[in-house]
Amino acid sequence: MTRPYDLVRELAVALVGTLALVLVLAAVLSSPDVPSVTIQSWAQKQPVDLVTTAAGELAGTTVSAGYGVPYNDGSGSVQSLGPVSPQSWVGVRLPVDPAKEFVLNPLQASSAGNADLTAALSQYNGASDSQRVAWLDAYTKALQDAKEDNGRVVVAGGDYGPLPVMMANLLQIARAGALDGYLLSTGGFYQTDYTRPLLFMGDGTYLSSLASDQHLLGNQWGMMNETGSYPGQTWLWLYTLWYQVPPFNGNANADLMVVITMVVLSAALVVVPFLPVIRSIPRWVPVHRLIWRDYYRGATSAPRPAQPAGGAATPPVPSGR
């Protein structure tokens, strides 16, 4: 007696069931798809912060302006421990002038056909250093009480020179997404160098506030965290641990100290078999025998091969034809 069996139907049911299970598990357990952070989103959500950051780039008061190698000749973020200073050894490899590359050059590129912006840039570039400093000081103070009005940054009246026109145009091209493309462009076919956009966003407070909300800052064990409440790369705990304890936490040379610490620990791990006392610890504390107890129990209970009267083992005789 035979029973009919529809193989195609069974296969279809199995595939549909598997697909449904995958979709449910993906919705419940997968990592969140957080949208990329761009200068465009920054300009749309926190325009005052973007304009304040741009003014700081012109004034040379941002982190990027005084960062130091590998970007410029500043010394603000150059780390060293005595004579050990890998940053200084490498030198300036990725030259970045924040005032020009983040503000002036993009404005110059977008000034074609814009008479007001062209005149503002001419006035700014033709002014003396002292005059530009006076404009920037006054404008930076006014930005502390700035308001957003329909996508525009409004400040109290004052002598700001051409800065309001320049910043209004910079905000406009940023909101349109053009500033992202300009800072990302390197002249090559593939545009994958995000150094300049990240430096510019890093000088403001928008990017760091997003990182803080997602618990991604260094003092929040950020190297181990995924966005949201999802676990990240837990194998990085040994690296991020040092940033949470003295003397690493709060130290200006913390990155270099952590690198040196991990190099020393890695080297110590490599030479463990050659250290007279350390290599004997497994014999004194045989924890491995507890973990692999099944193996050692079988090794001790297995019968040993018989030995000849002379004590020497008889070598096996190879078989031949």
Protein backbone atom coordinates (compact mmCIF):
# COMPACT_ATOMS: atom_id res chain seq x y z
CA MET A 1 0.00 0.00 0.00
CA THR A 2 1.40 3.38 -0.97
CA ARG A 3 0.56 6.86 0.28
CA PRO A 4 0.64 9.90 -2.00
CA TYR A 5 3.24 12.52 -1.03
CA ASP A 6 3.39 16.03 -2.47
CA LEU A 7 7.08 16.95 -2.29
CA VAL A 8 6.57 20.39 -3.86
CA ARG A 9 3.92 21.33 -1.29
CA GLU A 10 6.06 20.15 1.61
CA LEU A 11 9.01 22.15 0.29
CA ALA A 12 6.87 25.26 -0.14
CA VAL A 13 5.50 24.96 3.40
CA ALA A 14 9.00 24.53 4.81
CA LEU A 15 10.31 27.57 2.93
CA VAL A 16 7.38 29.77 3.99
CA GLY A 17 7.75 28.69 7.60
CA THR A 18 11.47 29.32 7.59
CA LEU A 19 11.01 32.75 5.99
CA ALA A 20 8.40 33.73 8.58
CA LEU A 21 10.70 32.61 11.40
CA VAL A 22 13.64 34.56 9.97
CA LEU A 23 11.55 37.73 9.64
CA VAL A 24 10.25 37.48 13.19
CA LEU A 25 13.72 36.86 14.66
CA ALA A 26 15.22 39.65 12.54
CA ALA A 27 12.61 42.10 13.81
CA VAL A 28 13.10 41.09 17.44
CA LEU A 29 16.82 40.36 17.70
CA SER A 30 18.62 42.24 14.92
CA SER A 31 20.67 45.40 15.45
CA PRO A 32 18.84 48.68 14.78
CA ASP A 33 19.26 50.32 11.40
CA VAL A 34 20.29 53.78 12.60
CA PRO A 35 20.49 56.34 9.78
CA SER A 36 23.87 57.87 8.98
CA VAL A 37 24.81 61.12 10.65
CA THR A 38 25.54 63.77 8.03
CA ILE A 39 26.23 67.48 7.92
CA GLN A 40 22.83 67.82 6.24
CA SER A 41 21.02 66.24 9.20
CA TRP A 42 23.12 68.39 11.54
CA ALA A 43 22.13 71.57 9.69
CA GLN A 44 18.46 70.59 9.69
CA LYS A 45 18.23 69.59 13.35
CA GLN A 46 20.72 71.94 15.05
CA PRO A 47 21.46 74.87 12.70
CA VAL A 48 22.65 77.12 15.52
CA ASP A 49 25.28 74.58 16.52
CA LEU A 50 26.50 74.27 12.92
CA VAL A 51 26.83 78.04 12.50
CA THR A 52 28.55 78.36 15.88
CA THR A 53 30.99 75.63 14.89
CA ALA A 54 31.67 77.28 11.52
CA ALA A 55 32.42 80.58 13.27
CA GLY A 56 34.81 78.71 15.55
CA GLU A 57 36.59 77.26 12.51
CA LEU A 58 37.14 80.78 11.17
CA ALA A 59 38.37 81.96 14.57
CA GLY A 60 40.68 78.97 14.98
CA THR A 61 39.18 77.99 18.35
CA THR A 62 37.89 74.51 17.50
CA VAL A 63 39.54 71.19 18.29
CA SER A 64 40.39 70.58 14.63
CA ALA A 65 42.03 74.00 14.27
CA GLY A 66 44.56 73.21 17.00
CA TYR A 67 44.55 69.42 16.82
CA GLY A 68 48.11 68.94 15.63
CA VAL A 69 49.54 66.05 13.66
CA PRO A 70 48.53 64.38 11.44
CA TYR A 71 46.30 67.31 10.39
CA ASN A 72 48.17 70.55 11.17
CA ASP A 73 50.90 72.16 13.25
CA GLY A 74 48.84 72.56 16.42
CA SER A 75 49.61 70.76 19.65
CA GLY A 76 46.21 70.42 21.29
CA SER A 77 45.80 66.66 20.82
CA VAL A 78 49.37 65.48 20.41
CA GLN A 79 50.01 62.73 22.93
CA SER A 80 53.40 61.81 24.34
CA LEU A 81 55.01 59.98 27.24
CA GLY A 82 58.47 61.40 27.67
CA PRO A 83 60.34 60.89 24.40
CA VAL A 84 57.64 58.51 23.09
CA SER A 85 55.39 60.46 20.72
CA PRO A 86 54.35 58.45 17.65
CA GLN A 87 52.18 61.32 16.41
CA SER A 88 55.14 63.67 16.22
CA TRP A 89 57.26 61.01 14.56
CA VAL A 90 54.74 60.56 11.75
CA GLY A 91 54.22 64.29 11.15
CA VAL A 92 51.50 66.05 9.17
CA ARG A 93 50.22 63.48 6.66
CA LEU A 94 46.66 64.72 6.09
CA PRO A 95 46.92 68.51 6.01
CA VAL A 96 43.65 70.16 7.02
CA ASP A 97 43.03 73.92 7.34
CA PRO A 98 39.55 73.99 8.96
CA ALA A 99 38.81 77.65 8.20
CA LYS A 100 39.47 77.22 4.50
CA GLU A 101 38.30 73.66 3.93
CA PHE A 102 35.16 73.69 6.07
CA VAL A 103 33.95 77.26 5.47
CA LEU A 104 35.74 79.51 2.99
CA ASN A 105 36.38 77.06 0.14
CA PRO A 106 32.82 75.67 0.09
CA LEU A 107 31.44 79.21 0.11
CA GLN A 108 33.77 80.23 -2.70
CA ALA A 109 32.68 77.22 -4.75
CA SER A 110 29.01 78.10 -4.29
CA SER A 111 29.37 81.86 -4.86
CA ALA A 112 28.99 81.69 -8.65
CA GLY A 113 25.94 83.75 -9.57
CA ASN A 114 25.47 84.92 -5.97
CA ALA A 115 26.44 88.60 -5.86
CA ASP A 116 25.78 89.03 -2.13
CA LEU A 117 27.96 86.07 -1.18
CA THR A 118 30.71 87.14 -3.57
CA ALA A 119 30.76 90.61 -2.01
CA ALA A 120 30.76 89.15 1.52
CA LEU A 121 33.71 86.87 0.78
CA SER A 122 35.61 89.74 -0.83
CA GLN A 123 34.99 91.90 2.23
CA TYR A 124 36.07 89.14 4.62
CA ASN A 125 39.20 88.17 2.71
CA GLY A 126 40.22 91.83 2.26
CA ALA A 127 39.85 92.75 5.93
CA SER A 128 42.74 92.90 8.36
CA ASP A 129 43.29 90.15 10.90
CA SER A 130 42.26 92.43 13.74
CA GLN A 131 39.04 93.37 11.96
CA ARG A 132 38.15 89.72 11.33
CA VAL A 133 38.83 88.89 14.97
CA ALA A 134 36.53 91.71 16.08
CA TRP A 135 33.73 90.48 13.79
CA LEU A 136 34.14 86.88 14.93
CA ASP A 137 34.22 87.79 18.63
CA ALA A 138 31.04 89.83 18.37
CA TYR A 139 29.27 87.23 16.23
CA THR A 140 30.29 84.32 18.50
CA LYS A 141 28.89 86.13 21.54
CA ALA A 142 25.66 86.87 19.68
CA LEU A 143 25.30 83.21 18.72
CA GLN A 144 24.98 82.28 22.41
CA ASP A 145 21.46 83.76 22.30
CA ALA A 146 20.70 82.90 18.67
CA LYS A 147 17.30 81.57 17.66
CA GLU A 148 16.19 79.38 14.80
CA ASP A 149 13.50 80.83 12.58
CA ASN A 150 12.24 78.67 9.74
CA GLY A 151 15.67 77.17 9.03
CA ARG A 152 17.54 80.44 9.55
CA VAL A 153 19.80 81.47 12.43
CA VAL A 154 18.74 84.84 13.85
CA VAL A 155 21.04 86.88 16.09
CA ALA A 156 20.71 90.27 17.70
CA GLY A 157 21.88 93.26 15.72
CA GLY A 158 25.57 94.16 15.81
CA ASP A 159 28.69 94.82 13.81
CA TYR A 160 29.40 91.40 12.36
CA GLY A 161 30.67 92.49 8.96
CA PRO A 162 29.99 89.91 6.24
CA LEU A 163 29.60 86.99 8.65
CA PRO A 164 25.77 86.83 8.67
CA VAL A 165 25.66 86.58 4.87
CA MET A 166 28.45 83.97 4.81
CA MET A 167 26.89 81.81 7.52
CA ALA A 168 23.42 82.02 6.01
CA ASN A 169 24.78 80.71 2.71
CA LEU A 170 26.87 78.01 4.43
CA LEU A 171 23.78 76.85 6.32
CA GLN A 172 21.79 76.81 3.10
CA ILE A 173 24.23 74.57 1.21
CA ALA A 174 24.59 72.37 4.29
CA ARG A 175 20.82 71.87 4.56
CA ALA A 176 20.72 70.95 0.88
CA GLY A 177 23.41 68.27 1.36
CA ALA A 178 25.95 70.02 -0.87
CA LEU A 179 28.44 70.57 1.95
CA ASP A 180 28.59 66.82 2.62
CA GLY A 181 29.50 66.18 -1.00
CA TYR A 182 32.06 68.98 -1.10
CA LEU A 183 33.94 67.85 2.02
CA LEU A 184 33.79 64.22 0.92
CA SER A 185 35.17 64.92 -2.56
CA THR A 186 38.85 64.04 -2.91
CA GLY A 187 39.22 64.11 -6.69
CA GLY A 188 39.31 60.32 -7.02
CA PHE A 189 36.74 57.96 -8.47
CA TYR A 190 35.76 56.46 -5.10
CA GLN A 191 34.74 58.99 -2.45
CA THR A 192 35.22 57.12 0.81
CA ASP A 193 37.44 59.47 2.85
CA TYR A 194 35.20 60.83 5.62
CA THR A 195 38.04 62.55 7.50
CA ARG A 196 36.96 66.12 6.79
CA PRO A 197 33.21 65.70 7.38
CA LEU A 198 33.92 63.89 10.65
CA LEU A 199 36.39 66.54 11.82
CA PHE A 200 33.89 69.29 11.10
CA MET A 201 31.01 67.49 12.85
CA GLY A 202 33.28 66.53 15.72
CA ASP A 203 33.98 70.20 16.45
CA GLY A 204 30.29 70.77 17.21
CA THR A 205 28.09 69.33 19.92
CA TYR A 206 25.57 67.52 17.71
CA LEU A 207 27.64 64.40 17.01
CA SER A 208 28.80 64.00 20.61
CA SER A 209 25.23 64.41 21.88
CA LEU A 210 24.08 61.56 19.62
CA ALA A 211 26.96 59.41 20.86
CA SER A 212 26.05 60.18 24.46
CA ASP A 213 22.41 59.23 23.88
CA GLN A 214 23.55 55.89 22.44
CA HIS A 215 26.09 55.31 25.26
CA LEU A 216 28.99 55.39 22.82
CA LEU A 217 31.31 57.83 24.59
CA GLY A 218 34.61 56.59 25.93
CA ASN A 219 33.50 56.97 29.55
CA GLN A 220 30.40 54.91 28.71
CA TRP A 221 32.39 51.89 27.50
CA GLY A 222 31.59 53.03 23.98
CA MET A 223 34.08 50.68 22.28
CA MET A 224 32.02 47.74 23.51
CA ASN A 225 28.54 49.15 22.87
CA GLU A 226 26.27 48.79 19.88
CA THR A 227 23.73 51.53 19.19
CA GLY A 228 20.80 51.38 21.59
CA SER A 229 20.78 48.63 24.20
CA TYR A 230 22.34 45.99 21.97
CA PRO A 231 25.67 44.39 22.95
CA GLY A 232 28.66 45.22 20.81
CA GLN A 233 32.15 43.82 20.47
CA THR A 234 32.60 42.37 23.95
CA TRP A 235 36.11 41.15 23.10
CA LEU A 236 37.18 44.82 23.26
CA TRP A 237 36.59 44.96 27.02
CA LEU A 238 40.30 44.66 27.72
CA TYR A 239 40.99 47.81 25.71
CA THR A 240 38.13 49.98 26.94
CA LEU A 241 38.63 48.85 30.53
CA TRP A 242 41.71 51.03 30.92
CA TYR A 243 39.81 54.20 30.02
CA GLN A 244 37.59 53.71 33.08
CA VAL A 245 40.30 53.42 35.75
CA PRO A 246 43.11 55.66 37.03
CA PRO A 247 45.54 56.83 35.84
CA PHE A 248 44.08 56.40 32.36
CA ASN A 249 40.68 58.05 32.78
CA GLY A 250 40.84 61.80 32.36
CA ASN A 251 44.45 61.69 31.22
CA ALA A 252 45.29 63.71 28.11
CA ASN A 253 47.64 60.93 26.97
CA ALA A 254 45.18 58.10 27.65
CA ASP A 255 45.20 56.72 24.09
CA LEU A 256 48.98 56.38 24.02
CA MET A 257 49.02 54.92 27.53
CA VAL A 258 46.46 52.28 26.57
CA VAL A 259 48.38 51.37 23.42
CA ILE A 260 51.64 50.95 25.34
CA THR A 261 49.88 48.94 28.06
CA MET A 262 48.36 46.55 25.53
CA VAL A 263 51.69 46.15 23.73
CA VAL A 264 53.38 45.22 27.03
CA LEU A 265 50.61 42.78 27.98
CA SER A 266 50.63 41.17 24.53
CA ALA A 267 54.40 40.77 24.65
CA ALA A 268 54.14 39.24 28.14
CA LEU A 269 51.58 36.74 26.84
CA VAL A 270 53.95 35.70 24.05
CA VAL A 271 56.87 35.03 26.42
CA VAL A 272 54.84 33.15 29.07
CA PRO A 273 56.23 29.71 28.01
CA PHE A 274 59.74 31.01 28.63
CA LEU A 275 59.21 32.46 32.13
CA PRO A 276 60.48 29.94 34.74
CA VAL A 277 57.88 30.61 37.45
CA ILE A 278 54.87 31.58 35.37
CA ARG A 279 55.07 28.56 33.08
CA SER A 280 54.91 26.21 36.09
CA ILE A 281 51.63 27.59 37.43
CA PRO A 282 49.49 25.04 35.48
CA ARG A 283 51.32 22.22 37.29
CA TRP A 284 50.81 23.84 40.68
CA VAL A 285 47.20 24.87 40.03
CA PRO A 286 45.88 22.23 37.60
CA VAL A 287 42.64 23.94 36.70
CA HIS A 288 42.95 22.56 33.18
CA ARG A 289 42.58 19.03 34.55
CA LEU A 290 39.23 20.00 36.03
CA ILE A 291 38.05 21.52 32.75
CA TRP A 292 39.25 18.55 30.67
CA ARG A 293 38.47 15.95 33.34
CA ASP A 294 36.85 13.54 30.84
CA TYR A 295 40.01 13.44 28.78
CA TYR A 296 42.31 12.90 31.74
CA ARG A 297 39.99 10.31 33.28
CA GLY A 298 40.10 8.30 30.04
CA ALA A 299 43.86 8.72 29.72
CA THR A 300 44.49 7.34 33.21
CA SER A 301 42.05 4.42 32.90
CA ALA A 302 43.12 3.23 29.42
CA PRO A 303 45.23 -0.01 29.51
CA ARG A 304 48.85 0.38 28.53
CA PRO A 305 50.36 -1.79 25.76
CA ALA A 306 52.30 -4.84 26.93
CA GLN A 307 56.06 -4.43 27.16
CA PRO A 308 58.61 -7.15 26.25
CA ALA A 309 60.82 -8.67 28.92
CA GLY A 310 63.72 -6.38 28.08
CA GLY A 311 61.64 -3.29 28.66
CA ALA A 312 61.95 -1.93 25.13
CA ALA A 313 58.85 -1.59 23.05
CA THR A 314 58.70 -3.77 19.94
CA PRO A 315 58.41 -1.57 16.87
CA PRO A 316 55.47 -2.31 14.58
CA VAL A 317 56.19 -4.49 11.58
CA PRO A 318 55.10 -2.84 8.33
CA SER A 319 52.78 -4.92 6.24
CA GLY A 320 53.80 -5.76 2.72
CA ARG A 321 52.60 -7.69 -0.25
